[in-house]
Protein backbone atom coordinates (compact mmCIF):
# COMPACT_ATOMS: atom_id res chain seq x y z
CA LEU A 1 106.22 92.64 76.24
CA CYS A 2 103.16 92.44 77.04
CA ARG A 3 100.85 94.36 79.49
CA ALA A 4 97.29 93.99 80.30
CA GLU A 5 96.58 96.97 82.80
CA GLU A 6 93.34 97.81 84.48
CA GLU A 7 92.16 99.17 88.01
CA GLY A 8 94.58 96.96 90.53
CA VAL A 9 95.99 94.65 88.30
CA LEU A 10 98.76 94.17 86.20
CA ARG A 11 99.98 91.43 84.00
CA LEU A 12 103.34 91.11 81.72
CA SER A 13 104.78 88.93 79.71
CA ILE A 14 108.33 88.19 80.04
CA ALA A 15 110.69 87.79 77.35
CA ARG A 16 114.45 87.40 76.58
CA ARG A 17 116.05 91.00 75.20
CA GLU A 18 117.46 89.54 72.04
CA ALA A 19 113.75 87.54 71.34
CA PRO A 20 111.30 89.93 72.57
CA ALA A 21 108.80 87.54 70.58
CA LEU A 22 108.92 84.17 72.79
CA VAL A 23 107.37 84.10 75.79
CA ILE A 24 109.29 82.52 78.38
CA GLY A 25 107.04 83.76 81.98
CA GLY A 26 104.62 86.20 83.02
CA VAL A 27 104.32 88.98 86.37
CA GLY A 28 101.98 90.41 87.44
CA TYR A 29 99.80 91.94 90.19
CA GLU A 30 96.34 91.97 91.32
CA ALA A 31 94.17 94.03 93.92
CA LEU A 32 92.80 91.88 97.03
CA ASP A 33 89.10 93.09 98.16
CA GLU A 34 89.26 96.29 100.15
CA THR A 35 92.13 95.34 101.77
CA GLY A 36 94.87 97.79 100.68
CA ALA A 37 96.65 94.82 99.79
CA ALA A 38 97.61 93.07 96.16
CA GLU A 39 99.10 89.38 95.75
CA ILE A 40 101.86 89.04 93.18
CA GLY A 41 102.84 86.15 90.95
CA TYR A 42 105.30 84.82 88.69
CA TRP A 43 105.71 81.78 87.03
CA LEU A 44 108.75 81.09 83.85
CA ALA A 45 109.56 78.46 82.02
CA GLU A 46 111.37 76.23 83.34
CA PRO A 47 114.63 76.24 80.95
CA GLU A 48 114.76 80.17 82.07
CA TRP A 49 115.33 78.83 85.93
CA GLY A 50 118.60 80.06 87.25
CA GLN A 51 119.52 82.88 85.35
CA GLY A 52 117.38 85.70 87.30
CA PHE A 53 114.55 86.26 85.16
CA ALA A 54 111.50 85.99 88.32
CA SER A 55 114.04 88.31 90.78
CA GLU A 56 113.91 91.18 87.94
CA ALA A 57 110.49 91.01 86.04
CA ALA A 58 109.09 90.18 90.07
CA MET A 59 111.67 93.12 91.89
CA ALA A 60 110.21 95.81 88.74
CA VAL A 61 106.56 94.54 90.00
CA ARG A 62 107.22 95.22 93.02
CA ASP A 63 108.21 98.71 93.01
CA HIS A 64 105.70 99.79 90.08
CA ALA A 65 102.98 98.69 92.91
CA PHE A 66 104.41 100.50 95.37
CA ARG A 67 105.21 103.44 93.44
CA HIS A 68 102.14 103.76 91.28
CA CYS A 69 99.52 102.34 93.58
CA ASP A 70 97.78 102.73 97.09
CA PHE A 71 98.54 99.25 98.04
CA ASP A 72 99.23 99.29 101.42
CA ARG A 73 100.97 95.55 101.38
CA LEU A 74 102.53 92.70 98.55
CA ILE A 75 101.37 89.61 99.26
CA ALA A 76 102.65 86.25 97.44
CA ARG A 77 102.30 82.29 98.34
CA TYR A 78 104.47 79.84 96.40
CA ARG A 79 105.33 76.17 96.68
CA THR A 80 106.62 74.69 99.68
CA ASP A 81 108.79 72.13 97.08
CA ASN A 82 109.63 75.31 95.24
CA PRO A 83 112.30 76.56 97.71
CA ALA A 84 114.15 78.68 94.58
CA SER A 85 110.83 80.69 94.38
CA GLY A 86 111.04 81.53 98.09
CA ARG A 87 114.15 82.55 97.71
CA VAL A 88 113.33 84.84 94.68
CA LEU A 89 111.12 86.65 97.10
CA ALA A 90 113.16 86.92 100.07
CA LYS A 91 115.91 88.57 98.05
CA LEU A 92 112.60 91.45 97.15
CA GLY A 93 112.15 91.44 100.94
CA PHE A 94 109.57 89.29 101.45
CA THR A 95 108.40 87.25 104.68
CA VAL A 96 106.75 84.69 105.55
CA THR A 97 103.96 84.82 107.86
CA GLY A 98 102.37 81.00 106.95
CA THR A 99 101.52 78.15 104.55
CA THR A 100 98.15 77.49 103.03
CA THR A 101 97.53 75.09 99.31
CA CYS A 102 98.16 76.64 96.42
CA GLY A 103 96.19 75.27 93.24
CA SER A 104 97.30 74.67 89.74
CA ILE A 105 96.09 72.93 86.07
CA ALA A 106 98.77 70.41 86.03
CA ALA A 107 99.88 69.69 89.59
CA GLY A 108 96.38 69.90 91.94
CA ASP A 109 96.57 71.58 95.16
CA ASN A 110 100.41 72.24 96.62
CA PRO A 111 101.56 72.57 100.47
CA ALA A 112 102.16 76.30 99.82
CA THR A 113 104.18 78.89 102.11
CA THR A 114 102.66 82.45 102.30
CA VAL A 115 104.55 85.99 102.63
CA GLU A 116 104.25 89.76 102.34
CA LEU A 117 105.97 92.57 101.92
CA THR A 118 104.49 95.94 103.57
CA ARG A 119 105.02 99.21 102.27
CA GLY A 120 106.61 100.39 105.19
CA SER A 121 109.11 97.68 104.47
CA TRP A 122 109.91 98.11 101.00
CA ARG A 123 110.58 101.86 101.84
CA SER A 124 113.81 100.73 104.16
CA ARG A 125 114.86 98.82 102.08
CA ARG A 126 114.89 101.19 99.41
CA GLU A 127 116.80 104.03 101.89
CA ALA A 128 119.06 101.51 103.61
């Protein structure tokens, strides 16, 4: 629906095909300083959970990042109390690398799991 792109940054809005003016989520990536990596992230309105929107949107952004950018790897983090988000990332090929915290205005700081997908792993999954 809406796209804002600058060097190493992509931000997209998620909407249903039948209601393209109604934003139900967001997805994107942002390059990390000189590490060859970008962080991917997404959010989805709670009534839309469990319908595959996050997986579809994150998959498209993952593929865009590796096809059109020079990133060696993508990283992400998800709140540990949100295993559904972890399943989305696992489905996309991300593997767990550790733990951290992530903060939000609404929920404050929370324990989070960090994950990573390398370009090589992405390529291998596509060729399988």
